[in-house]
């Protein structure tokens, strides 16, 4: 089940999918870049080329009992989504 789509700009997007069995899958522009199994959340890190430069992404998925699922996404250590 798709949990979140983040459009970084007109040409780049990150999708987060999560199953009821705890399988988290991260897609960058439709290509799978990370997959982990977790009950309470995991950290996914991957690198891609953007405009000829290597860019590092970190996606933190967690479970907060007061608000439900949380998600933080960083690009080169700069936060682009804190949820």
C-alpha atoms as a PDB file:
ATOM      1  CA  UNK A   1       0.000   0.000   0.000  1.00  0.00           C
ATOM      2  CA  UNK A   2       1.367   3.419  -0.927  1.00  0.00           C
ATOM      3  CA  UNK A   3       1.862   5.537   2.159  1.00  0.00           C
ATOM      4  CA  UNK A   4       3.353   8.721   0.708  1.00  0.00           C
ATOM      5  CA  UNK A   5       4.466  10.367  -2.526  1.00  0.00           C
ATOM      6  CA  UNK A   6       6.820  13.339  -2.261  1.00  0.00           C
ATOM      7  CA  UNK A   7       7.356  15.293  -5.485  1.00  0.00           C
ATOM      8  CA  UNK A   8      10.774  16.874  -5.083  1.00  0.00           C
ATOM      9  CA  UNK A   9      10.350  18.866  -8.290  1.00  0.00           C
ATOM     10  CA  UNK A  10       8.707  18.325 -11.686  1.00  0.00           C
ATOM     11  CA  UNK A  11      11.046  15.427 -12.546  1.00  0.00           C
ATOM     12  CA  UNK A  12      11.863  13.713  -9.239  1.00  0.00           C
ATOM     13  CA  UNK A  13       9.706  11.908  -6.694  1.00  0.00           C
ATOM     14  CA  UNK A  14      10.040   9.552  -3.742  1.00  0.00           C
ATOM     15  CA  UNK A  15       7.323   7.023  -2.934  1.00  0.00           C
ATOM     16  CA  UNK A  16       7.028   5.090   0.302  1.00  0.00           C
ATOM     17  CA  UNK A  17       5.100   1.832   0.364  1.00  0.00           C
ATOM     18  CA  UNK A  18       4.337  -0.156   3.509  1.00  0.00           C
ATOM     19  CA  UNK A  19       2.617  -3.513   3.894  1.00  0.00           C
ATOM     20  CA  UNK A  20       0.590  -4.779   6.843  1.00  0.00           C
ATOM     21  CA  UNK A  21       3.387  -7.298   7.468  1.00  0.00           C
ATOM     22  CA  UNK A  22       5.942  -4.513   7.965  1.00  0.00           C
ATOM     23  CA  UNK A  23       7.707  -4.487   4.591  1.00  0.00           C
ATOM     24  CA  UNK A  24       8.830  -0.942   3.767  1.00  0.00           C
ATOM     25  CA  UNK A  25       9.790  -0.171   0.170  1.00  0.00           C
ATOM     26  CA  UNK A  26      11.213   3.109  -1.131  1.00  0.00           C
ATOM     27  CA  UNK A  27      11.007   4.133  -4.791  1.00  0.00           C
ATOM     28  CA  UNK A  28      12.868   6.993  -6.463  1.00  0.00           C
ATOM     29  CA  UNK A  29      11.291   7.978  -9.798  1.00  0.00           C
ATOM     30  CA  UNK A  30       9.522   4.617  -9.894  1.00  0.00           C
ATOM     31  CA  UNK A  31      12.693   2.575  -9.308  1.00  0.00           C
ATOM     32  CA  UNK A  32      13.045   0.602  -6.080  1.00  0.00           C
ATOM     33  CA  UNK A  33      16.042   1.915  -4.139  1.00  0.00           C
ATOM     34  CA  UNK A  34      15.528   0.355  -0.687  1.00  0.00           C
ATOM     35  CA  UNK A  35      13.510  -2.320   1.065  1.00  0.00           C
ATOM     36  CA  UNK A  36      13.468  -3.344   4.715  1.00  0.00           C
ATOM     37  CA  UNK A  37      11.193  -5.251   7.038  1.00  0.00           C
ATOM     38  CA  UNK A  38      10.258  -3.500  10.257  1.00  0.00           C
ATOM     39  CA  UNK A  39       7.444  -3.293  12.765  1.00  0.00           C
ATOM     40  CA  UNK A  40       8.298   0.033  14.417  1.00  0.00           C
ATOM     41  CA  UNK A  41      10.070   1.720  11.480  1.00  0.00           C
ATOM     42  CA  UNK A  42      13.469   1.788   9.832  1.00  0.00           C
ATOM     43  CA  UNK A  43      15.960   4.150   8.232  1.00  0.00           C
ATOM     44  CA  UNK A  44      16.538   3.837   4.490  1.00  0.00           C
ATOM     45  CA  UNK A  45      19.553   5.439   2.819  1.00  0.00           C
ATOM     46  CA  UNK A  46      20.291   5.565  -0.896  1.00  0.00           C
ATOM     47  CA  UNK A  47      22.299   7.564  -3.414  1.00  0.00           C
ATOM     48  CA  UNK A  48      21.219   8.751  -6.864  1.00  0.00           C
ATOM     49  CA  UNK A  49      22.597  10.952  -9.624  1.00  0.00           C
ATOM     50  CA  UNK A  50      20.832  14.258 -10.106  1.00  0.00           C
ATOM     51  CA  UNK A  51      22.105  16.592 -12.819  1.00  0.00           C
ATOM     52  CA  UNK A  52      25.396  14.673 -12.896  1.00  0.00           C
ATOM     53  CA  UNK A  53      25.968  14.957  -9.128  1.00  0.00           C
ATOM     54  CA  UNK A  54      25.661  12.261  -6.482  1.00  0.00           C
ATOM     55  CA  UNK A  55      22.892  13.008  -3.986  1.00  0.00           C
ATOM     56  CA  UNK A  56      22.313  11.134  -0.732  1.00  0.00           C
ATOM     57  CA  UNK A  57      18.818  10.597   0.620  1.00  0.00           C
ATOM     58  CA  UNK A  58      17.766   9.316   4.017  1.00  0.00           C
ATOM     59  CA  UNK A  59      14.192   8.272   4.727  1.00  0.00           C
ATOM     60  CA  UNK A  60      13.280   7.648   8.371  1.00  0.00           C
ATOM     61  CA  UNK A  61       9.997   5.852   8.996  1.00  0.00           C
ATOM     62  CA  UNK A  62       8.800   5.508  12.544  1.00  0.00           C
ATOM     63  CA  UNK A  63       5.810   4.752  14.668  1.00  0.00           C
ATOM     64  CA  UNK A  64       4.633   7.348  17.157  1.00  0.00           C
ATOM     65  CA  UNK A  65       1.903   5.995  19.330  1.00  0.00           C
ATOM     66  CA  UNK A  66       0.273   9.401  19.754  1.00  0.00           C
ATOM     67  CA  UNK A  67       0.087  10.304  16.036  1.00  0.00           C
ATOM     68  CA  UNK A  68       0.683   7.074  14.106  1.00  0.00           C
ATOM     69  CA  UNK A  69       3.283   6.706  11.369  1.00  0.00           C
ATOM     70  CA  UNK A  70       5.937   9.397  11.034  1.00  0.00           C
ATOM     71  CA  UNK A  71       8.283  10.057   8.145  1.00  0.00           C
ATOM     72  CA  UNK A  72      11.347  12.272   7.767  1.00  0.00           C
ATOM     73  CA  UNK A  73      13.169  12.682   4.449  1.00  0.00           C
ATOM     74  CA  UNK A  74      16.597  14.290   4.120  1.00  0.00           C
ATOM     75  CA  UNK A  75      18.497  15.261   0.957  1.00  0.00           C
ATOM     76  CA  UNK A  76      22.246  15.624   1.569  1.00  0.00           C
ATOM     77  CA  UNK A  77      21.418  15.886   5.294  1.00  0.00           C
ATOM     78  CA  UNK A  78      19.022  18.814   4.727  1.00  0.00           C
ATOM     79  CA  UNK A  79      15.426  18.066   5.754  1.00  0.00           C
ATOM     80  CA  UNK A  80      12.929  18.223   2.895  1.00  0.00           C
ATOM     81  CA  UNK A  81      10.013  16.628   4.783  1.00  0.00           C
ATOM     82  CA  UNK A  82       9.476  16.272   8.523  1.00  0.00           C
ATOM     83  CA  UNK A  83       6.205  14.547   9.270  1.00  0.00           C
END
